[in-house]
Amino acid sequence: METKRYKTNIKCTGCVETVTPYLNQFVGEGNWQVDLNDPSRTLTVTGQTEKDVVIRALEKAGYKAEKI
């Protein structure tokens, strides 16, 4: 299983709630998580997902991400 990580501007649990429907739709429920304790607010995605799909999903939710 492939794992990808992204630096995001997701800052709090409210932000996570906002991006949840977008990431669930494009990545799949249970295939992602955000580490709010990490200063980079790292989003970890598992499974076969194109990096642009994750970035576009976050942009639709009003957030930014870059692959790390």
N, C-alpha and C. Protein backbone atom coordinates (compact mmCIF):
# COMPACT_ATOMS: atom_id res chain seq x y z
N MET A 1 0.84 -1.18 0.00
CA MET A 1 0.00 0.00 0.00
C MET A 1 0.89 1.25 0.00
N GLU A 2 0.59 2.16 -0.86
CA GLU A 2 1.37 3.38 -1.00
C GLU A 2 0.93 4.43 0.02
N THR A 3 1.90 5.16 0.58
CA THR A 3 1.62 6.24 1.53
C THR A 3 2.23 7.52 1.00
N LYS A 4 1.43 8.59 0.99
CA LYS A 4 1.91 9.90 0.56
C LYS A 4 1.65 10.89 1.68
N ARG A 5 2.55 11.88 1.79
CA ARG A 5 2.40 12.90 2.83
C ARG A 5 2.39 14.28 2.19
N TYR A 6 1.60 15.15 2.80
CA TYR A 6 1.44 16.51 2.30
C TYR A 6 1.50 17.50 3.46
N LYS A 7 2.20 18.60 3.23
CA LYS A 7 2.19 19.72 4.17
C LYS A 7 0.94 20.53 3.85
N THR A 8 0.14 20.86 4.88
CA THR A 8 -1.12 21.56 4.65
C THR A 8 -1.23 22.81 5.52
N ASN A 9 -2.26 23.60 5.26
CA ASN A 9 -2.57 24.74 6.12
C ASN A 9 -3.81 24.46 6.97
N ILE A 10 -4.09 23.19 7.20
CA ILE A 10 -5.17 22.77 8.09
C ILE A 10 -4.70 23.01 9.51
N LYS A 11 -5.47 23.78 10.30
CA LYS A 11 -4.97 24.22 11.61
C LYS A 11 -5.67 23.63 12.82
N CYS A 12 -6.92 23.17 12.66
CA CYS A 12 -7.68 22.75 13.84
C CYS A 12 -8.69 21.67 13.48
N THR A 13 -9.39 21.19 14.49
CA THR A 13 -10.38 20.15 14.25
C THR A 13 -11.53 20.67 13.39
N GLY A 14 -11.83 21.96 13.49
CA GLY A 14 -12.86 22.54 12.62
C GLY A 14 -12.45 22.48 11.16
N CYS A 15 -11.17 22.73 10.91
CA CYS A 15 -10.64 22.62 9.54
C CYS A 15 -10.75 21.18 9.04
N VAL A 16 -10.42 20.23 9.91
CA VAL A 16 -10.52 18.82 9.54
C VAL A 16 -11.96 18.47 9.19
N GLU A 17 -12.91 18.97 9.96
CA GLU A 17 -14.32 18.74 9.66
C GLU A 17 -14.70 19.31 8.30
N THR A 18 -14.13 20.45 7.94
CA THR A 18 -14.43 21.07 6.66
C THR A 18 -13.89 20.24 5.50
N VAL A 19 -12.67 19.71 5.62
CA VAL A 19 -12.08 18.96 4.51
C VAL A 19 -12.56 17.51 4.45
N THR A 20 -13.15 17.01 5.52
CA THR A 20 -13.55 15.60 5.57
C THR A 20 -14.41 15.16 4.39
N PRO A 21 -15.50 15.86 4.04
CA PRO A 21 -16.31 15.37 2.91
C PRO A 21 -15.54 15.36 1.59
N TYR A 22 -14.65 16.31 1.40
CA TYR A 22 -13.87 16.38 0.16
C TYR A 22 -12.86 15.24 0.08
N LEU A 23 -12.12 15.03 1.17
CA LEU A 23 -11.14 13.96 1.16
C LEU A 23 -11.81 12.59 1.12
N ASN A 24 -12.92 12.43 1.82
CA ASN A 24 -13.63 11.15 1.76
C ASN A 24 -14.09 10.85 0.34
N GLN A 25 -14.55 11.88 -0.38
CA GLN A 25 -15.03 11.69 -1.74
C GLN A 25 -13.89 11.33 -2.70
N PHE A 26 -12.78 12.04 -2.60
CA PHE A 26 -11.71 11.88 -3.57
C PHE A 26 -10.66 10.84 -3.18
N VAL A 27 -10.48 10.60 -1.89
CA VAL A 27 -9.44 9.68 -1.41
C VAL A 27 -10.05 8.42 -0.81
N GLY A 28 -11.21 8.57 -0.20
CA GLY A 28 -11.88 7.44 0.44
C GLY A 28 -11.82 7.54 1.94
N GLU A 29 -12.94 7.28 2.56
CA GLU A 29 -13.02 7.33 4.02
C GLU A 29 -12.06 6.33 4.64
N GLY A 30 -11.34 6.77 5.64
CA GLY A 30 -10.40 5.89 6.32
C GLY A 30 -9.04 5.80 5.65
N ASN A 31 -8.85 6.50 4.53
CA ASN A 31 -7.58 6.45 3.81
C ASN A 31 -6.72 7.68 4.03
N TRP A 32 -7.08 8.51 5.00
CA TRP A 32 -6.31 9.73 5.24
C TRP A 32 -6.41 10.13 6.70
N GLN A 33 -5.43 10.92 7.14
CA GLN A 33 -5.49 11.52 8.48
C GLN A 33 -4.57 12.72 8.52
N VAL A 34 -4.91 13.69 9.36
CA VAL A 34 -4.12 14.91 9.52
C VAL A 34 -3.53 14.91 10.93
N ASP A 35 -2.23 15.15 11.00
CA ASP A 35 -1.55 15.24 12.29
C ASP A 35 -1.50 16.71 12.70
N LEU A 36 -2.43 17.12 13.57
CA LEU A 36 -2.51 18.51 14.01
C LEU A 36 -1.40 18.86 15.00
N ASN A 37 -0.70 17.87 15.55
CA ASN A 37 0.40 18.13 16.47
C ASN A 37 1.70 18.43 15.73
N ASP A 38 1.78 18.09 14.48
CA ASP A 38 2.95 18.35 13.66
C ASP A 38 2.89 19.79 13.16
N PRO A 39 3.95 20.57 13.29
CA PRO A 39 3.93 21.96 12.82
C PRO A 39 3.60 22.09 11.33
N SER A 40 3.89 21.06 10.55
CA SER A 40 3.56 21.08 9.11
C SER A 40 2.13 20.65 8.83
N ARG A 41 1.41 20.27 9.90
CA ARG A 41 0.02 19.78 9.75
C ARG A 41 -0.04 18.74 8.63
N THR A 42 0.74 17.69 8.81
CA THR A 42 0.92 16.68 7.79
C THR A 42 -0.35 15.87 7.56
N LEU A 43 -0.73 15.80 6.29
CA LEU A 43 -1.83 14.95 5.83
C LEU A 43 -1.19 13.69 5.27
N THR A 44 -1.57 12.55 5.80
CA THR A 44 -1.07 11.27 5.31
C THR A 44 -2.20 10.56 4.58
N VAL A 45 -1.92 10.13 3.35
CA VAL A 45 -2.91 9.45 2.52
C VAL A 45 -2.36 8.08 2.16
N THR A 46 -3.17 7.04 2.35
CA THR A 46 -2.77 5.69 1.98
C THR A 46 -3.60 5.22 0.80
N GLY A 47 -3.04 4.31 0.04
CA GLY A 47 -3.75 3.77 -1.11
C GLY A 47 -3.26 4.38 -2.40
N GLN A 48 -3.84 3.95 -3.50
CA GLN A 48 -3.46 4.42 -4.82
C GLN A 48 -4.22 5.68 -5.16
N THR A 49 -3.59 6.83 -4.95
CA THR A 49 -4.22 8.11 -5.23
C THR A 49 -3.21 9.01 -5.91
N GLU A 50 -3.62 9.64 -6.99
CA GLU A 50 -2.75 10.61 -7.66
C GLU A 50 -2.58 11.82 -6.76
N LYS A 51 -1.36 12.37 -6.69
CA LYS A 51 -1.10 13.49 -5.79
C LYS A 51 -1.97 14.69 -6.13
N ASP A 52 -2.22 14.93 -7.43
CA ASP A 52 -3.03 16.08 -7.83
C ASP A 52 -4.46 15.97 -7.32
N VAL A 53 -4.96 14.75 -7.15
CA VAL A 53 -6.33 14.54 -6.66
C VAL A 53 -6.44 15.07 -5.23
N VAL A 54 -5.46 14.78 -4.42
CA VAL A 54 -5.47 15.23 -3.02
C VAL A 54 -5.38 16.75 -2.96
N ILE A 55 -4.47 17.31 -3.73
CA ILE A 55 -4.29 18.76 -3.74
C ILE A 55 -5.55 19.46 -4.23
N ARG A 56 -6.17 18.94 -5.27
CA ARG A 56 -7.42 19.53 -5.79
C ARG A 56 -8.56 19.41 -4.78
N ALA A 57 -8.65 18.29 -4.08
CA ALA A 57 -9.70 18.11 -3.08
C ALA A 57 -9.56 19.15 -1.98
N LEU A 58 -8.34 19.37 -1.52
CA LEU A 58 -8.12 20.38 -0.48
C LEU A 58 -8.40 21.78 -0.99
N GLU A 59 -8.02 22.06 -2.23
CA GLU A 59 -8.29 23.38 -2.81
C GLU A 59 -9.80 23.64 -2.90
N LYS A 60 -10.57 22.61 -3.25
CA LYS A 60 -12.03 22.76 -3.31
C LYS A 60 -12.59 23.08 -1.94
N ALA A 61 -11.94 22.58 -0.89
CA ALA A 61 -12.38 22.83 0.48
C ALA A 61 -11.85 24.17 1.01
N GLY A 62 -10.96 24.83 0.23
CA GLY A 62 -10.43 26.12 0.64
C GLY A 62 -9.08 26.05 1.36
N TYR A 63 -8.38 24.95 1.19
CA TYR A 63 -7.09 24.74 1.85
C TYR A 63 -6.00 24.46 0.82
N LYS A 64 -4.75 24.47 1.28
CA LYS A 64 -3.61 24.23 0.40
C LYS A 64 -2.81 23.04 0.90
N ALA A 65 -2.12 22.39 -0.04
CA ALA A 65 -1.26 21.27 0.30
C ALA A 65 -0.12 21.20 -0.70
N GLU A 66 1.02 20.71 -0.21
CA GLU A 66 2.14 20.44 -1.10
C GLU A 66 2.76 19.13 -0.69
N LYS A 67 3.15 18.33 -1.66
CA LYS A 67 3.72 17.02 -1.39
C LYS A 67 5.07 17.18 -0.68
N ILE A 68 5.28 16.35 0.35
CA ILE A 68 6.58 16.36 1.05
C ILE A 68 7.22 14.99 0.95
